[in-house]
Protein backbone atom coordinates (compact mmCIF):
# COMPACT_ATOMS: atom_id res chain seq x y z
CA UNK A 1 149.93 142.53 129.44
CA UNK A 2 147.07 144.46 130.95
CA UNK A 3 145.55 144.84 127.48
CA UNK A 4 145.67 141.06 127.00
CA UNK A 5 143.94 140.47 130.35
CA UNK A 6 141.23 142.98 129.46
CA UNK A 7 140.64 141.30 126.09
CA UNK A 8 140.42 137.84 127.71
CA UNK A 9 137.94 139.17 130.30
CA UNK A 10 135.78 140.76 127.58
CA UNK A 11 135.87 137.53 125.55
CA UNK A 12 134.77 135.49 128.56
CA UNK A 13 132.02 137.99 129.28
CA UNK A 14 130.68 137.89 125.70
CA UNK A 15 130.88 134.10 125.63
CA UNK A 16 128.97 133.86 128.89
CA UNK A 17 126.38 136.40 127.72
CA UNK A 18 125.97 134.56 124.42
CA UNK A 19 125.53 131.27 126.28
CA UNK A 20 122.88 132.81 128.50
CA UNK A 21 121.07 134.31 125.51
CA UNK A 22 121.36 131.03 123.61
CA UNK A 23 119.99 129.04 126.56
CA UNK A 24 117.19 131.53 127.05
CA UNK A 25 116.19 131.29 123.36
CA UNK A 26 116.40 127.49 123.43
CA UNK A 27 114.19 127.37 126.51
CA UNK A 28 111.69 129.65 124.84
CA UNK A 29 111.64 127.40 121.79
CA UNK A 30 111.05 124.34 123.96
CA UNK A 31 108.19 126.10 125.78
CA UNK A 32 106.64 127.16 122.48
CA UNK A 33 106.99 123.63 121.13
CA UNK A 34 105.30 122.12 124.21
CA UNK A 35 102.56 124.74 123.95
CA UNK A 36 102.02 123.90 120.26
CA UNK A 37 101.84 120.16 120.99
CA UNK A 38 99.31 120.75 123.78
CA UNK A 39 97.23 123.02 121.57
CA UNK A 40 97.29 120.40 118.79
CA UNK A 41 96.24 117.66 121.18
CA UNK A 42 93.46 119.88 122.54
CA UNK A 43 92.27 120.56 118.96
CA UNK A 44 92.51 116.86 118.10
CA UNK A 45 90.53 115.91 121.21
CA UNK A 46 87.91 118.54 120.38
CA UNK A 47 87.69 117.14 116.85
CA UNK A 48 87.30 113.60 118.24
CA UNK A 49 84.44 114.61 120.50
CA UNK A 50 82.75 116.59 117.72
CA UNK A 51 82.94 113.55 115.46
CA UNK A 52 81.67 111.32 118.26
CA UNK A 53 78.75 113.65 118.92
CA UNK A 54 77.80 113.64 115.24
CA UNK A 55 78.11 109.85 115.10
CA UNK A 56 75.80 109.26 118.06
CA UNK A 57 73.19 111.73 116.82
CA UNK A 58 73.04 110.59 113.19
CA UNK A 59 72.06 107.01 112.33
CA UNK A 60 72.70 107.62 108.62
CA UNK A 61 76.29 108.62 109.45
CA UNK A 62 76.69 105.42 111.49
CA UNK A 63 75.45 103.41 108.51
CA UNK A 64 77.76 105.28 106.11
CA UNK A 65 80.82 104.44 108.21
CA UNK A 66 79.66 100.87 108.81
CA UNK A 67 79.69 100.31 105.05
CA UNK A 68 83.42 101.21 105.13
CA UNK A 69 84.23 98.93 108.09
CA UNK A 70 86.59 95.95 107.92
CA UNK A 71 86.67 92.76 109.95
CA UNK A 72 89.12 92.82 112.87
CA UNK A 73 89.17 90.17 115.60
CA UNK A 74 85.61 89.09 114.93
CA UNK A 75 84.13 92.62 114.80
CA UNK A 76 83.40 95.19 112.13
CA UNK A 77 85.76 98.12 112.79
CA UNK A 78 86.33 101.47 111.10
CA UNK A 79 89.47 103.61 111.65
CA UNK A 80 90.28 107.21 110.83
CA UNK A 81 92.80 109.71 112.25
CA UNK A 82 90.53 110.64 115.18
CA UNK A 83 88.38 107.63 116.04
CA UNK A 84 88.18 103.86 116.02
CA UNK A 85 84.57 102.66 115.81
CA UNK A 86 83.47 99.11 116.68
CA UNK A 87 80.06 98.19 115.27
CA UNK A 88 77.23 96.09 116.73
CA UNK A 89 76.60 93.96 113.62
CA UNK A 90 77.25 90.24 114.09
CA UNK A 91 79.78 89.34 111.33
CA UNK A 92 78.84 85.64 111.21
CA UNK A 93 75.11 86.34 110.89
CA UNK A 94 75.78 89.13 108.37
CA UNK A 95 78.04 86.96 106.21
CA UNK A 96 75.62 84.02 106.22
CA UNK A 97 72.84 86.29 105.01
CA UNK A 98 75.01 87.83 102.30
CA UNK A 99 75.75 84.32 101.01
CA UNK A 100 72.04 83.49 101.00
CA UNK A 101 71.28 86.62 98.98
CA UNK A 102 73.76 85.43 96.35
CA UNK A 103 72.58 81.81 96.47
CA UNK A 104 68.93 82.71 95.95
CA UNK A 105 69.80 85.42 93.41
CA UNK A 106 67.88 88.10 95.31
CA UNK A 107 68.30 90.96 92.89
CA UNK A 108 66.31 93.54 94.88
CA UNK A 109 66.04 92.76 98.57
CA UNK A 110 66.94 93.72 102.13
CA UNK A 111 67.04 92.20 105.59
CA UNK A 112 67.47 93.98 108.92
CA UNK A 113 67.72 92.39 112.37
CA UNK A 114 67.73 94.22 115.72
CA UNK A 115 68.30 92.92 119.23
CA UNK A 116 64.78 93.45 120.58
CA UNK A 117 66.00 93.94 124.15
CA UNK A 118 68.67 96.56 123.41
CA UNK A 119 68.15 98.13 119.96
CA UNK A 120 71.55 96.99 118.65
CA UNK A 121 71.66 96.34 114.90
CA UNK A 122 72.68 92.70 114.37
CA UNK A 123 72.40 92.52 110.58
CA UNK A 124 71.79 94.90 107.68
CA UNK A 125 71.97 93.24 104.28
CA UNK A 126 71.05 94.57 100.83
CA UNK A 127 71.29 92.95 97.41
CA UNK A 128 74.38 93.69 95.36
CA UNK A 129 72.39 95.49 92.65
CA UNK A 130 70.99 97.97 95.19
CA UNK A 131 73.36 98.01 98.19
CA UNK A 132 71.49 100.56 100.32
CA UNK A 133 67.90 99.28 100.29
CA UNK A 134 67.90 98.90 104.09
CA UNK A 135 67.70 102.70 104.45
CA UNK A 136 65.45 103.40 101.45
CA UNK A 137 62.27 104.77 103.02
CA UNK A 138 59.85 104.94 100.13
CA UNK A 139 58.77 101.29 99.98
CA UNK A 140 54.99 100.84 100.36
CA UNK A 141 54.23 99.45 103.81
CA UNK A 142 51.55 97.20 102.28
CA UNK A 143 49.72 95.07 104.86
CA UNK A 144 52.44 95.43 107.49
CA UNK A 145 50.63 98.68 108.30
CA UNK A 146 47.84 96.51 109.73
CA UNK A 147 50.10 96.25 112.82
CA UNK A 148 49.58 99.99 113.37
CA UNK A 149 45.85 99.81 112.62
CA UNK A 150 45.30 96.89 115.00
CA UNK A 151 47.37 98.53 117.76
CA UNK A 152 45.36 101.76 117.40
CA UNK A 153 42.04 99.90 117.63
CA UNK A 154 43.09 97.90 120.71
CA UNK A 155 44.80 100.78 122.53
CA UNK A 156 41.79 103.09 122.06
CA UNK A 157 39.29 100.39 123.06
CA UNK A 158 37.53 100.47 119.68
CA UNK A 159 38.13 96.78 118.97
CA UNK A 160 39.82 93.65 120.33
CA UNK A 161 40.99 90.28 119.01
CA UNK A 162 37.48 88.81 118.88
CA UNK A 163 35.69 91.92 117.55
CA UNK A 164 33.69 90.90 114.45
CA UNK A 165 32.26 92.70 111.40
CA UNK A 166 30.17 91.60 108.46
CA UNK A 167 32.40 92.57 105.52
CA UNK A 168 31.88 92.45 101.79
CA UNK A 169 34.40 90.94 99.37
CA UNK A 170 37.21 88.41 99.68
CA UNK A 171 40.24 88.88 101.93
CA UNK A 172 42.44 90.16 99.10
CA UNK A 173 39.86 92.60 97.73
CA UNK A 174 41.38 96.07 97.30
CA UNK A 175 38.24 98.20 96.80
CA UNK A 176 36.39 100.05 99.59
CA UNK A 177 33.35 100.08 97.31
CA UNK A 178 33.37 96.27 97.26
CA UNK A 179 33.90 96.09 101.02
CA UNK A 180 30.75 98.15 101.56
CA UNK A 181 28.51 96.96 98.74
CA UNK A 182 29.44 93.44 97.66
CA UNK A 183 26.76 90.76 97.85
CA UNK A 184 29.43 88.35 99.05
CA UNK A 185 29.44 89.10 102.75
CA UNK A 186 31.34 87.28 105.49
CA UNK A 187 31.58 87.67 109.25
CA UNK A 188 35.23 88.24 110.17
CA UNK A 189 37.03 88.85 113.50
CA UNK A 190 40.23 90.78 114.08
CA UNK A 191 42.61 87.94 114.99
CA UNK A 192 41.79 85.85 111.91
CA UNK A 193 41.66 88.93 109.70
CA UNK A 194 45.17 89.83 110.87
CA UNK A 195 46.51 86.31 110.30
CA UNK A 196 45.01 86.12 106.79
CA UNK A 197 45.52 89.83 106.07
CA UNK A 198 41.88 90.58 105.32
CA UNK A 199 41.60 93.95 103.60
CA UNK A 200 37.79 94.33 104.02
CA UNK A 201 37.97 93.91 107.82
CA UNK A 202 40.84 96.37 108.30
CA UNK A 203 39.36 98.87 105.85
CA UNK A 204 36.12 98.97 107.83
CA UNK A 205 38.07 99.03 111.11
CA UNK A 206 39.99 102.07 109.86
CA UNK A 207 36.80 104.02 109.30
CA UNK A 208 35.70 103.23 112.87
CA UNK A 209 39.06 104.29 114.26
CA UNK A 210 38.98 107.58 112.36
CA UNK A 211 41.68 109.72 110.79
CA UNK A 212 42.82 111.45 113.98
CA UNK A 213 43.45 108.26 115.94
CA UNK A 214 45.13 106.43 113.05
CA UNK A 215 47.53 109.29 112.28
CA UNK A 216 48.26 109.81 115.98
CA UNK A 217 49.36 106.19 116.48
CA UNK A 218 51.19 106.03 113.15
CA UNK A 219 53.30 108.93 114.38
CA UNK A 220 53.81 107.15 117.72
CA UNK A 221 55.22 104.22 115.73
CA UNK A 222 57.66 106.65 114.08
CA UNK A 223 55.99 107.73 110.85
CA UNK A 224 56.89 111.31 109.85
CA UNK A 225 59.60 111.61 112.53
CA UNK A 226 62.62 113.61 111.38
CA UNK A 227 65.15 113.09 114.18
CA UNK A 228 68.30 111.00 114.52
CA UNK A 229 68.95 110.74 110.77
CA UNK A 230 66.92 107.52 110.85
CA UNK A 231 64.96 106.35 107.76
CA UNK A 232 61.53 106.88 109.32
CA UNK A 233 58.41 106.02 107.34
CA UNK A 234 56.18 108.59 105.67
CA UNK A 235 52.41 108.99 106.00
CA UNK A 236 50.05 111.68 104.73
CA UNK A 237 46.52 112.64 105.71
CA UNK A 238 43.84 110.58 103.94
CA UNK A 239 41.89 112.44 101.28
CA UNK A 240 38.48 111.07 102.31
CA UNK A 241 36.77 108.12 103.98
CA UNK A 242 37.66 105.73 101.15
CA UNK A 243 41.31 106.78 101.32
CA UNK A 244 41.27 106.27 105.10
CA UNK A 245 39.92 102.74 104.63
CA UNK A 246 42.66 101.97 102.09
CA UNK A 247 45.33 103.34 104.42
CA UNK A 248 44.13 101.27 107.38
CA UNK A 249 44.22 98.13 105.26
CA UNK A 250 47.77 98.87 104.12
CA UNK A 251 46.76 99.86 100.61
CA UNK A 252 47.35 103.61 100.92
CA UNK A 253 50.39 105.71 100.09
CA UNK A 254 52.17 104.96 103.35
CA UNK A 255 55.91 104.44 102.88
CA UNK A 256 58.71 103.06 105.01
CA UNK A 257 62.19 101.48 105.14
CA UNK A 258 63.40 98.02 106.22
CA UNK A 259 65.11 99.59 109.24
CA UNK A 260 61.88 101.27 110.33
CA UNK A 261 59.88 98.06 109.79
CA UNK A 262 62.30 96.18 112.06
CA UNK A 263 61.93 98.91 114.69
CA UNK A 264 58.12 98.55 114.60
CA UNK A 265 58.54 94.81 115.23
CA UNK A 266 60.96 95.61 118.08
CA UNK A 267 58.34 97.86 119.68
CA UNK A 268 55.83 95.00 119.72
CA UNK A 269 58.35 92.44 120.97
CA UNK A 270 59.60 94.87 123.66
CA UNK A 271 56.22 95.31 125.37
CA UNK A 272 55.26 98.46 123.49
CA UNK A 273 58.52 100.36 124.20
CA UNK A 274 60.48 101.68 121.20
CA UNK A 275 64.26 101.59 121.73
CA UNK A 276 66.82 103.72 119.97
CA UNK A 277 68.45 101.64 117.21
CA UNK A 278 72.24 101.85 117.02
CA UNK A 279 75.09 100.47 114.93
CA UNK A 280 77.79 101.66 117.35
CA UNK A 281 79.15 99.33 120.05
CA UNK A 282 82.29 101.20 121.17
CA UNK A 283 84.33 104.25 120.14
CA UNK A 284 88.02 104.91 120.94
CA UNK A 285 90.17 108.00 120.34
CA UNK A 286 93.53 107.98 118.53
CA UNK A 287 95.33 107.11 121.80
CA UNK A 288 93.10 104.09 122.44
CA UNK A 289 91.05 105.79 125.14
CA UNK A 290 87.43 104.56 125.33
CA UNK A 291 85.11 107.47 124.51
CA UNK A 292 81.80 105.63 124.23
CA UNK A 293 80.28 102.26 125.09
CA UNK A 294 76.75 101.26 124.03
CA UNK A 295 73.90 101.75 126.48
CA UNK A 296 70.26 100.92 125.84
CA UNK A 297 68.14 104.03 125.29
CA UNK A 298 64.35 104.34 125.28
CA UNK A 299 62.81 106.44 122.51
CA UNK A 300 59.10 106.25 123.41
CA UNK A 301 56.32 104.27 124.98
CA UNK A 302 54.13 103.56 121.95
CA UNK A 303 51.43 101.21 123.31
CA UNK A 304 50.73 99.37 126.55
CA UNK A 305 52.24 95.93 127.26
CA UNK A 306 48.74 94.44 127.00
CA UNK A 307 48.22 95.85 123.50
CA UNK A 308 51.71 94.75 122.41
CA UNK A 309 51.05 91.20 123.65
CA UNK A 310 47.78 91.02 121.72
CA UNK A 311 49.50 92.14 118.52
CA UNK A 312 52.22 89.58 119.20
CA UNK A 313 49.57 86.85 119.56
CA UNK A 314 48.18 87.72 116.12
CA UNK A 315 51.68 87.76 114.61
CA UNK A 316 52.22 84.23 115.93
CA UNK A 317 48.91 83.18 114.33
CA UNK A 318 50.16 84.50 110.96
CA UNK A 319 52.93 81.89 111.04
CA UNK A 320 50.89 79.14 112.68
CA UNK A 321 47.93 79.11 110.29
CA UNK A 322 47.85 82.43 108.39
CA UNK A 323 49.35 83.86 105.21
CA UNK A 324 52.83 82.27 105.49
CA UNK A 325 51.95 78.98 107.23
CA UNK A 326 52.01 76.91 104.02
CA UNK A 327 55.18 78.43 102.58
CA UNK A 328 57.98 75.92 101.97
CA UNK A 329 60.65 77.46 104.19
CA UNK A 330 58.26 78.32 107.01
CA UNK A 331 57.08 74.68 107.05
CA UNK A 332 60.69 73.55 107.12
CA UNK A 333 61.51 76.04 109.85
CA UNK A 334 58.68 74.84 112.11
CA UNK A 335 59.51 71.18 111.49
CA UNK A 336 63.28 71.45 112.06
CA UNK A 337 63.24 73.94 114.93
CA UNK A 338 60.11 73.40 117.05
CA UNK A 339 61.63 75.41 119.92
CA UNK A 340 61.89 78.54 117.82
CA UNK A 341 59.17 81.11 118.51
CA UNK A 342 58.49 83.19 115.40
CA UNK A 343 55.71 85.58 114.42
CA UNK A 344 55.15 88.41 112.02
CA UNK A 345 53.02 90.20 109.45
CA UNK A 346 53.22 89.75 105.71
CA UNK A 347 52.56 92.51 103.19
CA UNK A 348 52.42 92.68 99.40
CA UNK A 349 51.96 95.68 97.13
CA UNK A 350 53.43 96.92 93.86
CA UNK A 351 56.48 99.17 94.17
CA UNK A 352 56.35 101.94 91.56
CA UNK A 353 59.73 103.60 92.21
CA UNK A 354 63.11 101.90 91.76
CA UNK A 355 63.29 98.94 91.91
CA UNK A 356 59.83 98.36 90.41
CA UNK A 357 57.97 95.12 90.98
CA UNK A 358 56.03 93.08 93.51
CA UNK A 359 57.08 94.33 96.96
CA UNK A 360 56.86 91.55 99.55
CA UNK A 361 57.43 92.13 103.26
CA UNK A 362 57.63 89.98 106.32
CA UNK A 363 58.05 92.02 109.49
CA UNK A 364 58.38 90.06 112.70
CA UNK A 365 60.25 88.67 115.70
CA UNK A 366 61.90 85.45 116.80
CA UNK A 367 62.89 84.05 120.16
CA UNK A 368 65.52 81.36 120.54
CA UNK A 369 68.13 80.39 123.12
CA UNK A 370 67.22 83.27 125.41
CA UNK A 371 67.58 85.85 122.61
CA UNK A 372 64.83 88.05 121.20
CA UNK A 373 65.26 89.43 117.71
CA UNK A 374 63.10 91.86 115.72
CA UNK A 375 63.51 91.86 111.96
CA UNK A 376 62.16 92.86 108.58
CA UNK A 377 62.69 91.08 105.28
CA UNK A 378 61.91 92.45 101.85
CA UNK A 379 62.14 91.30 98.25
CA UNK A 380 60.94 93.18 95.19
CA UNK A 381 60.27 90.61 92.47
CA UNK A 382 59.30 90.74 88.82
CA UNK A 383 57.82 87.86 86.84
CA UNK A 384 60.81 85.63 87.68
CA UNK A 385 62.22 85.21 91.16
CA UNK A 386 63.90 82.58 93.31
CA UNK A 387 62.72 83.50 96.80
CA UNK A 388 59.77 85.50 98.09
CA UNK A 389 60.15 88.32 100.56
CA UNK A 390 58.23 86.26 103.13
CA UNK A 391 60.47 83.23 102.85
CA UNK A 392 63.60 85.33 103.06
CA UNK A 393 62.59 85.81 106.72
CA UNK A 394 62.33 82.04 107.25
CA UNK A 395 65.73 81.39 105.60
CA UNK A 396 67.35 84.11 107.74
CA UNK A 397 65.75 82.66 110.87
CA UNK A 398 67.23 79.25 110.04
CA UNK A 399 70.68 80.80 109.82
CA UNK A 400 70.17 82.57 113.13
CA UNK A 401 69.12 79.34 114.86
CA UNK A 402 71.99 77.32 113.37
CA UNK A 403 74.49 79.95 114.43
CA UNK A 404 73.20 80.14 118.00
CA UNK A 405 72.79 76.37 118.27
CA UNK A 406 76.48 76.00 117.32
CA UNK A 407 77.46 78.48 120.03
CA UNK A 408 75.27 76.65 122.55
CA UNK A 409 77.01 73.32 121.80
CA UNK A 410 80.46 74.86 122.06
């Protein structure tokens, strides 16, 4: 009997000990599991913030992800395991422009629109044949570079809107030798020379400005910058006085992208202040927590408000009576929407890299319904085309006005 009691006692003791050991092991496993989950969440959060940091510091990365975005509740949105990114692009404006590109059979073209008061990207459209022309930065600036030349001259006090020169050759002459030596000589002032894109006037103005000043202000406008993964334009030092004159007139080897052109227009429209362009509106983590919300950011003060307003005046003249005033869609635009304020600078030069052809720019701004937009339009055309690069800007402006007029009525 005593042996039985001893055996029962030992059995109870072992059972109790085993239970304690089992509970202790189970508790340890639970602690380890919680620790692992916390470590995973910490790693995931770290990964989210690393991705967010990269996104906000690299415009090219923003653009790459935007191209993968899908429409959700009236916004372009991109999802991955770490982040949900909401983009600034206006889907209705974007889609209207994409339809116009197809309708007009724009084989090689691009259009970029920025909110001039914030720097948000509102549209970024490329032709189907070349879907990434908005970030291609080797297009010749052509006469849009006259914006930089004029701003340099005004800001340094070398010239103003009514400054006049006796210049040789016709407005579209492309030879510094002709500008200096031609028997055909005409008195030209800056404001009319800007509106009609007179190469002789701006070539001579460039030589007065000098290499140092012109390069200094070109860099202020963003040429040769390397930050932010943005498709900044490219400029090199002129080889000699003739090369300087060509560069100032927009005939040199100065290159840029549609995004950069739109940013130059924004700088003029925004009183000489360059804002940081962004495609990102909001960013959430995998739990739906808001990690980032867009805030306007200043990049640089490029020129004074007075200089910017004078350039803006000349850009308005370009549409009112200058190089694009007699174009079909600009005439239609002015007739149908008299309350729209629109100005810009045209530019034409042969593009020798892909896609080859006649490179036509219109870089400008528009104001309507309390909104201020900076934009650039580009078409590279061969012998046959359906819409010029200049008139692409007018067609896009019509879409913008129609869209905002509809919202105003509703």
